[in-house]
C-alpha atoms as a PDB file:
ATOM      1  CA  MET A   1       8.202  14.296  -2.061  1.00  0.00           C
ATOM      2  CA  SER A   2       7.990  10.566  -1.429  1.00  0.00           C
ATOM      3  CA  ARG A   3       5.688   8.488  -3.605  1.00  0.00           C
ATOM      4  CA  VAL A   4       3.406   5.736  -2.326  1.00  0.00           C
ATOM      5  CA  LEU A   5       1.318   3.231  -4.252  1.00  0.00           C
ATOM      6  CA  VAL A   6      -1.702   1.912  -2.328  1.00  0.00           C
ATOM      7  CA  VAL A   7      -3.463  -1.204  -3.654  1.00  0.00           C
ATOM      8  CA  GLU A   8      -6.737  -1.997  -1.857  1.00  0.00           C
ATOM      9  CA  ASP A   9      -9.857  -3.541  -3.392  1.00  0.00           C
ATOM     10  CA  GLU A  10     -12.352  -1.935  -0.979  1.00  0.00           C
ATOM     11  CA  PRO A  11     -13.154   1.536  -2.424  1.00  0.00           C
ATOM     12  CA  SER A  12     -14.012   3.274   0.854  1.00  0.00           C
ATOM     13  CA  ILE A  13     -10.857   2.007   2.579  1.00  0.00           C
ATOM     14  CA  LEU A  14      -8.741   2.957  -0.437  1.00  0.00           C
ATOM     15  CA  ARG A  15     -10.136   6.511  -0.390  1.00  0.00           C
ATOM     16  CA  LEU A  16      -9.403   6.868   3.340  1.00  0.00           C
ATOM     17  CA  MET A  17      -5.849   5.601   2.966  1.00  0.00           C
ATOM     18  CA  VAL A  18      -5.080   7.803  -0.047  1.00  0.00           C
ATOM     19  CA  ARG A  19      -6.469  10.864   1.730  1.00  0.00           C
ATOM     20  CA  ALA A  20      -4.548  10.188   4.973  1.00  0.00           C
ATOM     21  CA  LEU A  21      -1.239   9.666   3.193  1.00  0.00           C
ATOM     22  CA  THR A  22      -1.780  12.677   0.921  1.00  0.00           C
ATOM     23  CA  GLU A  23      -2.546  14.859   3.948  1.00  0.00           C
ATOM     24  CA  ALA A  24       0.754  13.634   5.431  1.00  0.00           C
ATOM     25  CA  GLY A  25       2.525  15.235   2.461  1.00  0.00           C
ATOM     26  CA  LEU A  26       3.089  12.143   0.341  1.00  0.00           C
ATOM     27  CA  GLU A  27       2.392  11.734  -3.363  1.00  0.00           C
ATOM     28  CA  VAL A  28      -0.074   8.857  -3.534  1.00  0.00           C
ATOM     29  CA  ILE A  29      -1.633   6.791  -6.294  1.00  0.00           C
ATOM     30  CA  GLY A  30      -4.407   4.384  -5.364  1.00  0.00           C
ATOM     31  CA  ALA A  31      -5.391   1.278  -7.298  1.00  0.00           C
ATOM     32  CA  MET A  32      -8.109  -1.302  -6.711  1.00  0.00           C
ATOM     33  CA  ARG A  33      -6.794  -4.060  -8.970  1.00  0.00           C
ATOM     34  CA  VAL A  34      -3.484  -5.382 -10.188  1.00  0.00           C
ATOM     35  CA  ALA A  35      -4.641  -4.411 -13.694  1.00  0.00           C
ATOM     36  CA  ASP A  36      -4.928  -0.794 -12.470  1.00  0.00           C
ATOM     37  CA  VAL A  37      -1.335  -0.966 -11.241  1.00  0.00           C
ATOM     38  CA  ARG A  38      -0.194  -2.177 -14.666  1.00  0.00           C
ATOM     39  CA  ALA A  39      -1.915   0.876 -16.223  1.00  0.00           C
ATOM     40  CA  ILE A  40       0.109   3.372 -14.156  1.00  0.00           C
ATOM     41  CA  ASN A  41       2.541   5.478 -16.173  1.00  0.00           C
ATOM     42  CA  PRO A  42       5.785   3.457 -16.317  1.00  0.00           C
ATOM     43  CA  GLY A  43       7.730   6.666 -15.592  1.00  0.00           C
ATOM     44  CA  TRP A  44       6.087   6.922 -12.156  1.00  0.00           C
ATOM     45  CA  ARG A  45       7.873   4.786  -9.575  1.00  0.00           C
ATOM     46  CA  PRO A  46       6.797   4.573  -5.939  1.00  0.00           C
ATOM     47  CA  ASP A  47       9.164   4.773  -2.989  1.00  0.00           C
ATOM     48  CA  ALA A  48       6.876   2.481  -0.959  1.00  0.00           C
ATOM     49  CA  LEU A  49       3.994   0.070  -1.528  1.00  0.00           C
ATOM     50  CA  VAL A  50       0.946  -0.506   0.664  1.00  0.00           C
ATOM     51  CA  VAL A  51      -0.797  -3.657  -0.581  1.00  0.00           C
ATOM     52  CA  ASP A  52      -3.813  -5.595   0.667  1.00  0.00           C
ATOM     53  CA  LEU A  53      -3.009  -9.269   1.116  1.00  0.00           C
ATOM     54  CA  GLY A  54      -6.520 -10.311   0.050  1.00  0.00           C
ATOM     55  CA  LEU A  55      -6.698  -8.887  -3.465  1.00  0.00           C
ATOM     56  CA  PRO A  56      -9.316 -10.871  -5.392  1.00  0.00           C
ATOM     57  CA  ASN A  57      -7.556 -10.542  -8.737  1.00  0.00           C
ATOM     58  CA  GLY A  58      -3.868 -10.779  -7.969  1.00  0.00           C
ATOM     59  CA  THR A  59      -1.305 -11.080  -5.221  1.00  0.00           C
ATOM     60  CA  VAL A  60       1.107  -8.959  -3.246  1.00  0.00           C
ATOM     61  CA  ALA A  61       3.867 -10.645  -5.269  1.00  0.00           C
ATOM     62  CA  ASP A  62       2.250  -9.512  -8.534  1.00  0.00           C
ATOM     63  CA  VAL A  63       2.469  -5.898  -7.365  1.00  0.00           C
ATOM     64  CA  ALA A  64       5.920  -6.226  -5.773  1.00  0.00           C
ATOM     65  CA  ASN A  65       7.348  -7.811  -8.922  1.00  0.00           C
ATOM     66  CA  MET A  66       6.403  -4.688 -10.891  1.00  0.00           C
ATOM     67  CA  TYR A  67       8.530  -2.602  -8.512  1.00  0.00           C
ATOM     68  CA  PRO A  68      11.563  -4.682  -7.494  1.00  0.00           C
ATOM     69  CA  GLY A  69      13.398  -3.365  -4.476  1.00  0.00           C
ATOM     70  CA  VAL A  70      10.591  -1.066  -3.340  1.00  0.00           C
ATOM     71  CA  PRO A  71       9.725  -1.651   0.340  1.00  0.00           C
ATOM     72  CA  SER A  72       6.198  -2.783   1.097  1.00  0.00           C
ATOM     73  CA  LEU A  73       3.665  -2.675   3.894  1.00  0.00           C
ATOM     74  CA  ILE A  74       1.204  -5.560   3.700  1.00  0.00           C
ATOM     75  CA  ILE A  75      -2.255  -5.010   5.155  1.00  0.00           C
ATOM     76  CA  SER A  76      -5.016  -7.543   5.728  1.00  0.00           C
ATOM     77  CA  GLY A  77      -8.269  -8.116   7.524  1.00  0.00           C
ATOM     78  CA  ARG A  78      -7.833 -11.865   7.177  1.00  0.00           C
ATOM     79  CA  MET A  79      -4.798 -13.361   8.797  1.00  0.00           C
ATOM     80  CA  THR A  80      -4.477 -16.935   7.598  1.00  0.00           C
ATOM     81  CA  GLY A  81      -1.692 -18.333   9.728  1.00  0.00           C
ATOM     82  CA  PRO A  82       1.755 -17.862  11.204  1.00  0.00           C
ATOM     83  CA  SER A  83       3.480 -18.272   7.848  1.00  0.00           C
ATOM     84  CA  VAL A  84       1.643 -15.277   6.347  1.00  0.00           C
ATOM     85  CA  ARG A  85       3.330 -11.874   6.619  1.00  0.00           C
ATOM     86  CA  VAL A  86       0.887  -9.136   7.581  1.00  0.00           C
ATOM     87  CA  ASP A  87       2.535  -5.883   8.645  1.00  0.00           C
ATOM     88  CA  LEU A  88      -0.637  -4.023   9.573  1.00  0.00           C
ATOM     89  CA  PRO A  89      -3.816  -5.946  10.429  1.00  0.00           C
ATOM     90  CA  LYS A  90      -7.186  -4.353   9.687  1.00  0.00           C
ATOM     91  CA  PRO A  91      -8.909  -2.460  11.134  1.00  0.00           C
ATOM     92  CA  PHE A  92      -6.304   0.227  11.805  1.00  0.00           C
ATOM     93  CA  ALA A  93      -6.304   3.954  12.449  1.00  0.00           C
ATOM     94  CA  MET A  94      -5.216   6.151   9.554  1.00  0.00           C
ATOM     95  CA  SER A  95      -2.660   7.735  11.896  1.00  0.00           C
ATOM     96  CA  THR A  96      -1.138   4.275  12.396  1.00  0.00           C
ATOM     97  CA  LEU A  97      -0.990   3.725   8.643  1.00  0.00           C
ATOM     98  CA  THR A  98       0.666   7.100   8.120  1.00  0.00           C
ATOM     99  CA  HIS A  99       3.206   6.423  10.871  1.00  0.00           C
ATOM    100  CA  ARG A 100       4.068   2.964   9.494  1.00  0.00           C
ATOM    101  CA  VAL A 101       4.495   4.302   5.937  1.00  0.00           C
ATOM    102  CA  GLU A 102       6.678   7.151   7.180  1.00  0.00           C
ATOM    103  CA  GLN A 103       8.817   4.578   9.044  1.00  0.00           C
ATOM    104  CA  LEU A 104       9.084   2.512   5.860  1.00  0.00           C
ATOM    105  CA  LEU A 105      10.245   5.611   3.995  1.00  0.00           C
ATOM    106  CA  GLY A 106      12.672   6.644   6.741  1.00  0.00           C
ATOM    107  CA  ILE A 107      10.802   9.892   7.392  1.00  0.00           C
ATOM    108  CA  GLU A 108      11.294  11.352  10.870  1.00  0.00           C
ATOM    109  CA  THR A 109       8.047  12.487  12.480  1.00  0.00           C
END
């Protein structure tokens, strides 16, 4: 079973994303802060990251640096310019999120 780490500071959105990905058959851990990510068991390693660009207490790079080489999907409701990478702009359907994560993981649907 593929593992996904979702980092989103909005609790209701985080719950929706975790539920959608879990229902798709993925093992998912959700975190609201970079500090929560640091508290995850070091023996648990995700196969993919879904990270909100607008974390108030850290950055996408902070999360990605904890899991070098793990592919990431960056989400955001605030696009700040052409130089900013946003893979999935908010709002999005949970089916779109699931499809994009499955693509990232190389899962055929």
